[in-house]
Amino acid sequence: MKDKFLIVIAGPTAVGKTKIAIELAKYFNTVILSADSRQIYKELKIGTARPTEDELKQAKHFFIANKSIFEYYNASKYEQEAIELLKNLYEKYDKIILAGGSGLYINALLYGIDDLPEINLSLRKQLISEYENFGLQHIRDRLKKLDPEYYNKVDLNNPKRILKALEVSIQTGKPYSSFLTGTPKKRFFKTIKIALNLPREQLYSKINKRVDLMIEQGLIKEAYELYPHRELTPLKTVGYRELFDFFEGKISKNKAIEKIKSNTRAYARKQISWFKRDNYNWFSPEQLSEIIKFIEKETGKKT
């Protein structure tokens, strides 16, 4: 049986992953799986910089606008669906592109993620309410009682992780830490990991211009239509939450736009740090020919 390859194109937001992924898909005559945890939602079009209709026509994409913000979805579900899809796609293709900036989704597909139970939404709302009403120390104390092992290693300043651990511990009656094996799963494909980056000022300039373009394309209107559903997890996203503050009169429109830019730049820095912790091969998005040569070398032959 021929070797099957998953070619990962990762990197910070706005760096140019979509363009490179499409060029590679055309060159290798293959398809693209998105690894973007927000472009997966059909209601979030402008604010997630989803590929344009023209870009989607140039190469077949999967996991773009195929879920609703009203569905419960996470990296574990993504892993399961992507693995099943790849089993079918590899019957036709030897190389497949995985493109996106959501490190957790990429890692779930490459290495697997621990199987966690689906959480009851009423429990989730109750715990969020406790956090909002009684504060961070309250949920820390609850976690310490329910799962002292995880309490001793979790970032205690990260309420999202604490709440996740509480959800699982309370719903199952077992410590959250008991579900975390940390053992990579065996995959039926080989992985080529490529990350794109640009000089910091160049990347920041692209981010700022992209935000301005989103505003021109109607991001404020899109966010306003989604405002009634602002408590949903997919909407706690850069580009939407700042505009929600504007709608509530907390900040001005100009301040909201500036905050979208600064928060997106901060998110890009986190993405770069995430991918630098793994053994990615780094390129500029302007090095398409070098990327192709590298992939051909890694796969052992030209296409």
C-alpha atoms as a PDB file:
ATOM      1  CA  MET A   1       0.000   0.000   0.000  1.00  0.00           C
ATOM      2  CA  LYS A   2       1.228   3.484  -0.879  1.00  0.00           C
ATOM      3  CA  ASP A   3       2.162   5.855   1.922  1.00  0.00           C
ATOM      4  CA  LYS A   4      -0.497   8.444   2.656  1.00  0.00           C
ATOM      5  CA  PHE A   5       0.525  11.958   3.653  1.00  0.00           C
ATOM      6  CA  LEU A   6      -1.240  14.738   5.526  1.00  0.00           C
ATOM      7  CA  ILE A   7       0.418  18.048   4.679  1.00  0.00           C
ATOM      8  CA  VAL A   8      -0.239  20.540   7.478  1.00  0.00           C
ATOM      9  CA  ILE A   9      -0.190  24.257   6.636  1.00  0.00           C
ATOM     10  CA  ALA A  10      -0.324  26.088   9.960  1.00  0.00           C
ATOM     11  CA  GLY A  11       0.577  29.553  11.200  1.00  0.00           C
ATOM     12  CA  PRO A  12      -0.874  32.753  12.626  1.00  0.00           C
ATOM     13  CA  THR A  13      -4.039  34.421  11.421  1.00  0.00           C
ATOM     14  CA  ALA A  14      -3.772  36.541   8.244  1.00  0.00           C
ATOM     15  CA  VAL A  15      -0.362  35.100   7.282  1.00  0.00           C
ATOM     16  CA  GLY A  16      -1.658  33.594   4.023  1.00  0.00           C
ATOM     17  CA  LYS A  17      -2.460  29.937   4.803  1.00  0.00           C
ATOM     18  CA  THR A  18      -5.527  29.783   2.550  1.00  0.00           C
ATOM     19  CA  LYS A  19      -3.668  30.943  -0.547  1.00  0.00           C
ATOM     20  CA  ILE A  20      -0.775  28.516  -0.032  1.00  0.00           C
ATOM     21  CA  ALA A  21      -3.128  25.624   0.740  1.00  0.00           C
ATOM     22  CA  ILE A  22      -5.081  26.230  -2.474  1.00  0.00           C
ATOM     23  CA  GLU A  23      -1.920  26.424  -4.573  1.00  0.00           C
ATOM     24  CA  LEU A  24      -0.684  23.157  -3.056  1.00  0.00           C
ATOM     25  CA  ALA A  25      -4.048  21.479  -3.570  1.00  0.00           C
ATOM     26  CA  LYS A  26      -3.989  22.475  -7.244  1.00  0.00           C
ATOM     27  CA  TYR A  27      -0.366  21.401  -7.691  1.00  0.00           C
ATOM     28  CA  PHE A  28      -0.831  18.005  -6.019  1.00  0.00           C
ATOM     29  CA  ASN A  29      -4.359  17.578  -7.405  1.00  0.00           C
ATOM     30  CA  THR A  30      -5.904  17.058  -3.986  1.00  0.00           C
ATOM     31  CA  VAL A  31      -8.334  18.518  -1.418  1.00  0.00           C
ATOM     32  CA  ILE A  32      -8.168  20.684   1.700  1.00  0.00           C
ATOM     33  CA  LEU A  33      -9.398  20.024   5.220  1.00  0.00           C
ATOM     34  CA  SER A  34      -9.834  23.170   7.285  1.00  0.00           C
ATOM     35  CA  ALA A  35      -8.503  23.192  10.844  1.00  0.00           C
ATOM     36  CA  ASP A  36     -10.124  26.455  11.883  1.00  0.00           C
ATOM     37  CA  SER A  37     -12.387  26.183  14.913  1.00  0.00           C
ATOM     38  CA  ARG A  38     -14.483  29.180  13.850  1.00  0.00           C
ATOM     39  CA  GLN A  39     -14.686  28.946  10.038  1.00  0.00           C
ATOM     40  CA  ILE A  40     -16.550  25.703  10.666  1.00  0.00           C
ATOM     41  CA  TYR A  41     -19.657  27.727  11.654  1.00  0.00           C
ATOM     42  CA  LYS A  42     -21.899  28.789   8.776  1.00  0.00           C
ATOM     43  CA  GLU A  43     -23.176  31.890  10.618  1.00  0.00           C
ATOM     44  CA  LEU A  44     -19.658  33.311  11.047  1.00  0.00           C
ATOM     45  CA  LYS A  45     -18.647  34.416   7.581  1.00  0.00           C
ATOM     46  CA  ILE A  46     -16.976  37.815   7.614  1.00  0.00           C
ATOM     47  CA  GLY A  47     -15.483  37.803  11.105  1.00  0.00           C
ATOM     48  CA  THR A  48     -13.630  34.515  10.586  1.00  0.00           C
ATOM     49  CA  ALA A  49     -12.096  35.479   7.221  1.00  0.00           C
ATOM     50  CA  ARG A  50     -13.650  32.409   5.646  1.00  0.00           C
ATOM     51  CA  PRO A  51     -12.294  31.551   2.163  1.00  0.00           C
ATOM     52  CA  THR A  52     -14.144  33.436  -0.556  1.00  0.00           C
ATOM     53  CA  GLU A  53     -16.513  31.760  -3.002  1.00  0.00           C
ATOM     54  CA  ASP A  54     -13.817  32.031  -5.667  1.00  0.00           C
ATOM     55  CA  GLU A  55     -11.244  30.393  -3.381  1.00  0.00           C
ATOM     56  CA  LEU A  56     -13.649  27.595  -2.506  1.00  0.00           C
ATOM     57  CA  LYS A  57     -14.150  26.927  -6.217  1.00  0.00           C
ATOM     58  CA  GLN A  58     -10.409  26.594  -6.826  1.00  0.00           C
ATOM     59  CA  ALA A  59     -10.043  23.607  -4.497  1.00  0.00           C
ATOM     60  CA  LYS A  60     -12.457  21.335  -2.664  1.00  0.00           C
ATOM     61  CA  HIS A  61     -12.658  22.285   1.026  1.00  0.00           C
ATOM     62  CA  PHE A  62     -14.043  20.330   3.969  1.00  0.00           C
ATOM     63  CA  PHE A  63     -15.047  21.654   7.414  1.00  0.00           C
ATOM     64  CA  ILE A  64     -15.965  25.092   6.114  1.00  0.00           C
ATOM     65  CA  ALA A  65     -19.421  26.414   7.144  1.00  0.00           C
ATOM     66  CA  ASN A  66     -20.694  22.891   7.834  1.00  0.00           C
ATOM     67  CA  LYS A  67     -21.833  23.430  11.437  1.00  0.00           C
ATOM     68  CA  SER A  68     -24.137  25.861  13.218  1.00  0.00           C
ATOM     69  CA  ILE A  69     -23.291  27.986  16.227  1.00  0.00           C
ATOM     70  CA  PHE A  70     -26.304  26.331  17.887  1.00  0.00           C
ATOM     71  CA  GLU A  71     -24.633  22.890  17.729  1.00  0.00           C
ATOM     72  CA  TYR A  72     -22.307  21.649  20.450  1.00  0.00           C
ATOM     73  CA  TYR A  73     -18.939  21.060  18.821  1.00  0.00           C
ATOM     74  CA  ASN A  74     -15.373  20.641  20.019  1.00  0.00           C
ATOM     75  CA  ALA A  75     -11.937  19.315  19.082  1.00  0.00           C
ATOM     76  CA  SER A  76     -12.878  15.761  20.052  1.00  0.00           C
ATOM     77  CA  LYS A  77     -15.827  15.733  17.649  1.00  0.00           C
ATOM     78  CA  TYR A  78     -13.611  17.296  14.981  1.00  0.00           C
ATOM     79  CA  GLU A  79     -11.039  14.534  15.443  1.00  0.00           C
ATOM     80  CA  GLN A  80     -13.653  11.806  15.018  1.00  0.00           C
ATOM     81  CA  GLU A  81     -15.232  13.361  11.924  1.00  0.00           C
ATOM     82  CA  ALA A  82     -11.910  14.247  10.273  1.00  0.00           C
ATOM     83  CA  ILE A  83     -10.484  10.738  10.786  1.00  0.00           C
ATOM     84  CA  GLU A  84     -13.566   9.144   9.221  1.00  0.00           C
ATOM     85  CA  LEU A  85     -13.394  11.563   6.302  1.00  0.00           C
ATOM     86  CA  LEU A  86      -9.680  10.894   5.733  1.00  0.00           C
ATOM     87  CA  LYS A  87     -10.294   7.144   5.600  1.00  0.00           C
ATOM     88  CA  ASN A  88     -12.543   7.762   2.600  1.00  0.00           C
ATOM     89  CA  LEU A  89     -10.427  10.462   0.962  1.00  0.00           C
ATOM     90  CA  TYR A  90      -7.229   8.404   1.080  1.00  0.00           C
ATOM     91  CA  GLU A  91      -8.878   5.852  -1.192  1.00  0.00           C
ATOM     92  CA  LYS A  92      -8.524   8.472  -3.919  1.00  0.00           C
ATOM     93  CA  TYR A  93      -5.649  10.736  -2.795  1.00  0.00           C
ATOM     94  CA  ASP A  94      -2.132  10.024  -1.540  1.00  0.00           C
ATOM     95  CA  LYS A  95      -1.626  13.570  -0.275  1.00  0.00           C
ATOM     96  CA  ILE A  96      -4.185  15.752   1.502  1.00  0.00           C
ATOM     97  CA  ILE A  97      -3.799  19.313   2.792  1.00  0.00           C
ATOM     98  CA  LEU A  98      -4.768  20.322   6.334  1.00  0.00           C
ATOM     99  CA  ALA A  99      -4.842  24.111   6.669  1.00  0.00           C
ATOM    100  CA  GLY A 100      -5.678  26.294   9.631  1.00  0.00           C
ATOM    101  CA  GLY A 101      -4.519  28.106  12.706  1.00  0.00           C
ATOM    102  CA  SER A 102      -6.398  26.285  15.474  1.00  0.00           C
ATOM    103  CA  GLY A 103      -3.601  24.389  17.178  1.00  0.00           C
ATOM    104  CA  LEU A 104      -5.933  22.310  19.334  1.00  0.00           C
ATOM    105  CA  TYR A 105      -7.856  21.060  16.274  1.00  0.00           C
ATOM    106  CA  ILE A 106      -4.642  20.272  14.410  1.00  0.00           C
ATOM    107  CA  ASN A 107      -3.205  18.368  17.372  1.00  0.00           C
ATOM    108  CA  ALA A 108      -6.479  16.485  17.847  1.00  0.00           C
ATOM    109  CA  LEU A 109      -6.216  15.187  14.299  1.00  0.00           C
ATOM    110  CA  LEU A 110      -2.464  14.493  14.367  1.00  0.00           C
ATOM    111  CA  TYR A 111      -2.120  12.970  17.833  1.00  0.00           C
ATOM    112  CA  GLY A 112      -5.645  12.371  19.118  1.00  0.00           C
ATOM    113  CA  ILE A 113      -7.470  13.935  22.010  1.00  0.00           C
ATOM    114  CA  ASP A 114      -8.770  12.328  25.157  1.00  0.00           C
ATOM    115  CA  ASP A 115     -12.367  11.132  24.896  1.00  0.00           C
ATOM    116  CA  LEU A 116     -14.452  13.391  27.121  1.00  0.00           C
ATOM    117  CA  PRO A 117     -18.181  13.117  27.757  1.00  0.00           C
ATOM    118  CA  GLU A 118     -20.592  15.551  26.164  1.00  0.00           C
ATOM    119  CA  ILE A 119     -21.581  18.094  28.788  1.00  0.00           C
ATOM    120  CA  ASN A 120     -25.144  18.873  29.784  1.00  0.00           C
ATOM    121  CA  LEU A 121     -25.818  22.479  28.747  1.00  0.00           C
ATOM    122  CA  SER A 122     -27.749  23.300  31.922  1.00  0.00           C
ATOM    123  CA  LEU A 123     -24.720  22.259  34.001  1.00  0.00           C
ATOM    124  CA  ARG A 124     -22.477  24.431  31.839  1.00  0.00           C
ATOM    125  CA  LYS A 125     -24.757  27.449  32.293  1.00  0.00           C
ATOM    126  CA  GLN A 126     -24.924  26.848  36.046  1.00  0.00           C
ATOM    127  CA  LEU A 127     -21.132  26.781  36.404  1.00  0.00           C
ATOM    128  CA  ILE A 128     -20.669  29.859  34.234  1.00  0.00           C
ATOM    129  CA  SER A 129     -23.232  31.643  36.406  1.00  0.00           C
ATOM    130  CA  GLU A 130     -21.317  30.619  39.551  1.00  0.00           C
ATOM    131  CA  TYR A 131     -18.103  31.987  38.078  1.00  0.00           C
ATOM    132  CA  GLU A 132     -19.738  35.272  37.071  1.00  0.00           C
ATOM    133  CA  ASN A 133     -21.463  35.714  40.436  1.00  0.00           C
ATOM    134  CA  PHE A 134     -18.841  34.425  42.872  1.00  0.00           C
ATOM    135  CA  GLY A 135     -15.575  34.853  40.995  1.00  0.00           C
ATOM    136  CA  LEU A 136     -12.460  32.907  40.059  1.00  0.00           C
ATOM    137  CA  GLN A 137     -11.502  31.825  43.582  1.00  0.00           C
ATOM    138  CA  HIS A 138     -14.867  30.123  44.030  1.00  0.00           C
ATOM    139  CA  ILE A 139     -14.414  27.804  41.039  1.00  0.00           C
ATOM    140  CA  ARG A 140     -10.773  27.217  42.017  1.00  0.00           C
ATOM    141  CA  ASP A 141     -11.924  25.986  45.426  1.00  0.00           C
ATOM    142  CA  ARG A 142     -14.518  23.678  43.857  1.00  0.00           C
ATOM    143  CA  LEU A 143     -11.890  22.184  41.559  1.00  0.00           C
ATOM    144  CA  LYS A 144      -9.458  21.686  44.435  1.00  0.00           C
ATOM    145  CA  LYS A 145     -12.057  19.549  46.242  1.00  0.00           C
ATOM    146  CA  LEU A 146     -13.159  17.556  43.191  1.00  0.00           C
ATOM    147  CA  ASP A 147      -9.809  17.035  41.442  1.00  0.00           C
ATOM    148  CA  PRO A 148      -6.734  18.056  43.468  1.00  0.00           C
ATOM    149  CA  GLU A 149      -4.417  16.420  40.910  1.00  0.00           C
ATOM    150  CA  TYR A 150      -5.598  18.630  38.046  1.00  0.00           C
ATOM    151  CA  TYR A 151      -5.811  21.632  40.400  1.00  0.00           C
ATOM    152  CA  ASN A 152      -2.072  21.322  41.032  1.00  0.00           C
ATOM    153  CA  LYS A 153      -1.136  21.535  37.360  1.00  0.00           C
ATOM    154  CA  VAL A 154      -3.808  23.685  35.693  1.00  0.00           C
ATOM    155  CA  ASP A 155      -3.285  27.385  34.984  1.00  0.00           C
ATOM    156  CA  LEU A 156      -5.324  28.763  37.894  1.00  0.00           C
ATOM    157  CA  ASN A 157      -5.756  32.059  36.064  1.00  0.00           C
ATOM    158  CA  ASN A 158      -7.545  30.355  33.168  1.00  0.00           C
ATOM    159  CA  PRO A 159     -11.254  30.103  34.083  1.00  0.00           C
ATOM    160  CA  LYS A 160     -12.103  28.316  30.835  1.00  0.00           C
ATOM    161  CA  ARG A 161      -9.906  25.332  31.733  1.00  0.00           C
ATOM    162  CA  ILE A 162     -11.106  25.280  35.335  1.00  0.00           C
ATOM    163  CA  LEU A 163     -14.749  25.313  34.210  1.00  0.00           C
ATOM    164  CA  LYS A 164     -14.087  22.492  31.725  1.00  0.00           C
ATOM    165  CA  ALA A 165     -12.581  20.345  34.484  1.00  0.00           C
ATOM    166  CA  LEU A 166     -15.500  21.099  36.800  1.00  0.00           C
ATOM    167  CA  GLU A 167     -18.041  20.194  34.100  1.00  0.00           C
ATOM    168  CA  VAL A 168     -16.518  16.768  33.525  1.00  0.00           C
ATOM    169  CA  SER A 169     -15.864  16.058  37.221  1.00  0.00           C
ATOM    170  CA  ILE A 170     -19.400  16.944  38.294  1.00  0.00           C
ATOM    171  CA  GLN A 171     -21.201  15.246  35.409  1.00  0.00           C
ATOM    172  CA  THR A 172     -19.267  11.959  35.587  1.00  0.00           C
ATOM    173  CA  GLY A 173     -18.510  11.796  39.304  1.00  0.00           C
ATOM    174  CA  LYS A 174     -14.895  11.111  38.359  1.00  0.00           C
ATOM    175  CA  PRO A 175     -11.923  13.526  38.481  1.00  0.00           C
ATOM    176  CA  TYR A 176     -11.275  15.282  35.185  1.00  0.00           C
ATOM    177  CA  SER A 177      -7.625  14.182  35.427  1.00  0.00           C
ATOM    178  CA  SER A 178      -8.710  10.532  35.175  1.00  0.00           C
ATOM    179  CA  PHE A 179      -9.779  11.172  31.558  1.00  0.00           C
ATOM    180  CA  LEU A 180      -6.425  12.637  30.498  1.00  0.00           C
ATOM    181  CA  THR A 181      -4.175   9.899  29.185  1.00  0.00           C
ATOM    182  CA  GLY A 182      -1.833  12.079  27.138  1.00  0.00           C
ATOM    183  CA  THR A 183      -0.951   9.084  24.936  1.00  0.00           C
ATOM    184  CA  PRO A 184      -0.680   9.921  21.211  1.00  0.00           C
ATOM    185  CA  LYS A 185      -2.913   7.765  19.010  1.00  0.00           C
ATOM    186  CA  LYS A 186      -1.493   5.841  16.060  1.00  0.00           C
ATOM    187  CA  ARG A 187      -2.479   7.245  12.673  1.00  0.00           C
ATOM    188  CA  PHE A 188      -2.695   5.626   9.249  1.00  0.00           C
ATOM    189  CA  PHE A 189      -0.990   8.561   7.515  1.00  0.00           C
ATOM    190  CA  LYS A 190       2.376  10.284   7.669  1.00  0.00           C
ATOM    191  CA  THR A 191       2.521  13.952   8.562  1.00  0.00           C
ATOM    192  CA  ILE A 192       4.472  16.805   6.974  1.00  0.00           C
ATOM    193  CA  LYS A 193       4.237  19.868   9.201  1.00  0.00           C
ATOM    194  CA  ILE A 194       4.733  23.283   7.641  1.00  0.00           C
ATOM    195  CA  ALA A 195       4.160  26.603   9.394  1.00  0.00           C
ATOM    196  CA  LEU A 196       4.053  30.011   7.744  1.00  0.00           C
ATOM    197  CA  ASN A 197       5.260  33.251   9.264  1.00  0.00           C
ATOM    198  CA  LEU A 198       6.239  36.780   8.339  1.00  0.00           C
ATOM    199  CA  PRO A 199       8.326  39.486  10.015  1.00  0.00           C
ATOM    200  CA  ARG A 200       6.294  40.827  12.956  1.00  0.00           C
ATOM    201  CA  GLU A 201       5.556  44.283  11.525  1.00  0.00           C
ATOM    202  CA  GLN A 202       4.536  42.827   8.160  1.00  0.00           C
ATOM    203  CA  LEU A 203       2.182  40.370   9.843  1.00  0.00           C
ATOM    204  CA  TYR A 204       0.665  43.101  12.017  1.00  0.00           C
ATOM    205  CA  SER A 205       0.098  45.265   8.950  1.00  0.00           C
ATOM    206  CA  LYS A 206      -1.747  42.399   7.227  1.00  0.00           C
ATOM    207  CA  ILE A 207      -3.882  41.844  10.326  1.00  0.00           C
ATOM    208  CA  ASN A 208      -4.820  45.529  10.535  1.00  0.00           C
ATOM    209  CA  LYS A 209      -5.708  45.667   6.843  1.00  0.00           C
ATOM    210  CA  ARG A 210      -7.776  42.504   7.116  1.00  0.00           C
ATOM    211  CA  VAL A 211      -9.809  43.977   9.990  1.00  0.00           C
ATOM    212  CA  ASP A 212     -10.428  47.151   7.960  1.00  0.00           C
ATOM    213  CA  LEU A 213     -11.578  44.980   5.037  1.00  0.00           C
ATOM    214  CA  MET A 214     -13.931  43.021   7.319  1.00  0.00           C
ATOM    215  CA  ILE A 215     -15.523  46.278   8.468  1.00  0.00           C
ATOM    216  CA  GLU A 216     -15.954  47.337   4.814  1.00  0.00           C
ATOM    217  CA  GLN A 217     -17.518  43.952   4.012  1.00  0.00           C
ATOM    218  CA  GLY A 218     -20.157  44.342   6.723  1.00  0.00           C
ATOM    219  CA  LEU A 219     -18.748  42.816   9.916  1.00  0.00           C
ATOM    220  CA  ILE A 220     -20.679  45.241  12.122  1.00  0.00           C
ATOM    221  CA  LYS A 221     -23.989  44.214  10.539  1.00  0.00           C
ATOM    222  CA  GLU A 222     -23.069  40.519  10.821  1.00  0.00           C
ATOM    223  CA  ALA A 223     -22.173  40.926  14.500  1.00  0.00           C
ATOM    224  CA  TYR A 224     -25.371  42.872  15.202  1.00  0.00           C
ATOM    225  CA  GLU A 225     -27.489  40.083  13.755  1.00  0.00           C
ATOM    226  CA  LEU A 226     -25.658  37.580  15.967  1.00  0.00           C
ATOM    227  CA  TYR A 227     -25.769  39.763  19.090  1.00  0.00           C
ATOM    228  CA  PRO A 228     -28.897  38.044  20.554  1.00  0.00           C
ATOM    229  CA  HIS A 229     -26.876  34.811  20.693  1.00  0.00           C
ATOM    230  CA  ARG A 230     -23.746  36.386  22.207  1.00  0.00           C
ATOM    231  CA  GLU A 231     -23.630  33.880  25.111  1.00  0.00           C
ATOM    232  CA  LEU A 232     -22.879  30.989  22.739  1.00  0.00           C
ATOM    233  CA  THR A 233     -19.254  29.818  22.890  1.00  0.00           C
ATOM    234  CA  PRO A 234     -18.504  30.344  19.144  1.00  0.00           C
ATOM    235  CA  LEU A 235     -19.366  34.038  19.564  1.00  0.00           C
ATOM    236  CA  LYS A 236     -16.856  34.587  22.352  1.00  0.00           C
ATOM    237  CA  THR A 237     -14.434  35.228  19.528  1.00  0.00           C
ATOM    238  CA  VAL A 238     -12.199  38.129  18.525  1.00  0.00           C
ATOM    239  CA  GLY A 239     -14.076  40.323  16.077  1.00  0.00           C
ATOM    240  CA  TYR A 240     -17.474  39.696  17.618  1.00  0.00           C
ATOM    241  CA  ARG A 241     -17.056  40.219  21.343  1.00  0.00           C
ATOM    242  CA  GLU A 242     -15.512  43.668  20.858  1.00  0.00           C
ATOM    243  CA  LEU A 243     -18.465  44.734  18.712  1.00  0.00           C
ATOM    244  CA  PHE A 244     -20.882  43.377  21.317  1.00  0.00           C
ATOM    245  CA  ASP A 245     -19.265  45.797  23.799  1.00  0.00           C
ATOM    246  CA  PHE A 246     -19.886  48.583  21.280  1.00  0.00           C
ATOM    247  CA  PHE A 247     -23.551  47.601  20.908  1.00  0.00           C
ATOM    248  CA  GLU A 248     -23.898  47.707  24.708  1.00  0.00           C
ATOM    249  CA  GLY A 249     -22.441  51.212  24.835  1.00  0.00           C
ATOM    250  CA  LYS A 250     -19.338  50.155  26.747  1.00  0.00           C
ATOM    251  CA  ILE A 251     -16.933  51.439  24.077  1.00  0.00           C
ATOM    252  CA  SER A 252     -17.086  53.499  20.888  1.00  0.00           C
ATOM    253  CA  LYS A 253     -17.138  51.978  17.405  1.00  0.00           C
ATOM    254  CA  ASN A 254     -13.595  53.177  16.687  1.00  0.00           C
ATOM    255  CA  LYS A 255     -12.375  51.745  19.994  1.00  0.00           C
ATOM    256  CA  ALA A 256     -14.035  48.421  19.186  1.00  0.00           C
ATOM    257  CA  ILE A 257     -12.257  48.271  15.818  1.00  0.00           C
ATOM    258  CA  GLU A 258      -8.912  49.104  17.437  1.00  0.00           C
ATOM    259  CA  LYS A 259      -9.509  46.385  20.038  1.00  0.00           C
ATOM    260  CA  ILE A 260     -10.269  43.848  17.303  1.00  0.00           C
ATOM    261  CA  LYS A 261      -6.904  44.684  15.730  1.00  0.00           C
ATOM    262  CA  SER A 262      -4.929  44.525  18.982  1.00  0.00           C
ATOM    263  CA  ASN A 263      -6.647  41.347  20.184  1.00  0.00           C
ATOM    264  CA  THR A 264      -6.070  39.692  16.800  1.00  0.00           C
ATOM    265  CA  ARG A 265      -2.386  40.600  16.977  1.00  0.00           C
ATOM    266  CA  ALA A 266      -2.221  39.072  20.470  1.00  0.00           C
ATOM    267  CA  TYR A 267      -3.950  35.934  19.188  1.00  0.00           C
ATOM    268  CA  ALA A 268      -1.402  35.685  16.350  1.00  0.00           C
ATOM    269  CA  ARG A 269       1.440  35.787  18.885  1.00  0.00           C
ATOM    270  CA  LYS A 270      -0.177  32.923  20.822  1.00  0.00           C
ATOM    271  CA  GLN A 271      -0.540  30.900  17.626  1.00  0.00           C
ATOM    272  CA  ILE A 272       3.129  31.356  16.757  1.00  0.00           C
ATOM    273  CA  SER A 273       4.160  30.281  20.275  1.00  0.00           C
ATOM    274  CA  TRP A 274       1.916  27.202  20.037  1.00  0.00           C
ATOM    275  CA  PHE A 275       3.384  26.001  16.742  1.00  0.00           C
ATOM    276  CA  LYS A 276       6.955  26.745  17.845  1.00  0.00           C
ATOM    277  CA  ARG A 277       6.492  24.194  20.641  1.00  0.00           C
ATOM    278  CA  ASP A 278       6.178  21.481  17.985  1.00  0.00           C
ATOM    279  CA  ASN A 279       8.619  20.488  15.246  1.00  0.00           C
ATOM    280  CA  TYR A 280       7.195  22.495  12.355  1.00  0.00           C
ATOM    281  CA  ASN A 281       9.199  23.456   9.282  1.00  0.00           C
ATOM    282  CA  TRP A 282       8.908  27.225   8.911  1.00  0.00           C
ATOM    283  CA  PHE A 283       8.530  29.097   5.620  1.00  0.00           C
ATOM    284  CA  SER A 284       7.407  32.475   4.376  1.00  0.00           C
ATOM    285  CA  PRO A 285       4.107  32.450   2.466  1.00  0.00           C
ATOM    286  CA  GLU A 286       6.123  33.874  -0.425  1.00  0.00           C
ATOM    287  CA  GLN A 287       8.145  30.628  -0.678  1.00  0.00           C
ATOM    288  CA  LEU A 288       5.614  28.497  -2.552  1.00  0.00           C
ATOM    289  CA  SER A 289       8.190  26.834  -4.813  1.00  0.00           C
ATOM    290  CA  GLU A 290      10.432  26.034  -1.826  1.00  0.00           C
ATOM    291  CA  ILE A 291       7.461  24.557   0.034  1.00  0.00           C
ATOM    292  CA  ILE A 292       6.603  22.358  -2.949  1.00  0.00           C
ATOM    293  CA  LYS A 293      10.205  21.141  -3.217  1.00  0.00           C
ATOM    294  CA  PHE A 294      10.262  20.391   0.509  1.00  0.00           C
ATOM    295  CA  ILE A 295       7.037  18.348   0.285  1.00  0.00           C
ATOM    296  CA  GLU A 296       8.313  16.436  -2.745  1.00  0.00           C
ATOM    297  CA  LYS A 297      11.516  15.632  -0.895  1.00  0.00           C
ATOM    298  CA  GLU A 298       9.616  14.491   2.206  1.00  0.00           C
ATOM    299  CA  THR A 299       7.208  12.321   0.218  1.00  0.00           C
ATOM    300  CA  GLY A 300      10.064  10.723  -1.653  1.00  0.00           C
ATOM    301  CA  LYS A 301       9.149  11.575  -5.213  1.00  0.00           C
ATOM    302  CA  LYS A 302       7.625  14.184  -7.494  1.00  0.00           C
ATOM    303  CA  THR A 303       3.964  14.144  -8.335  1.00  0.00           C
END
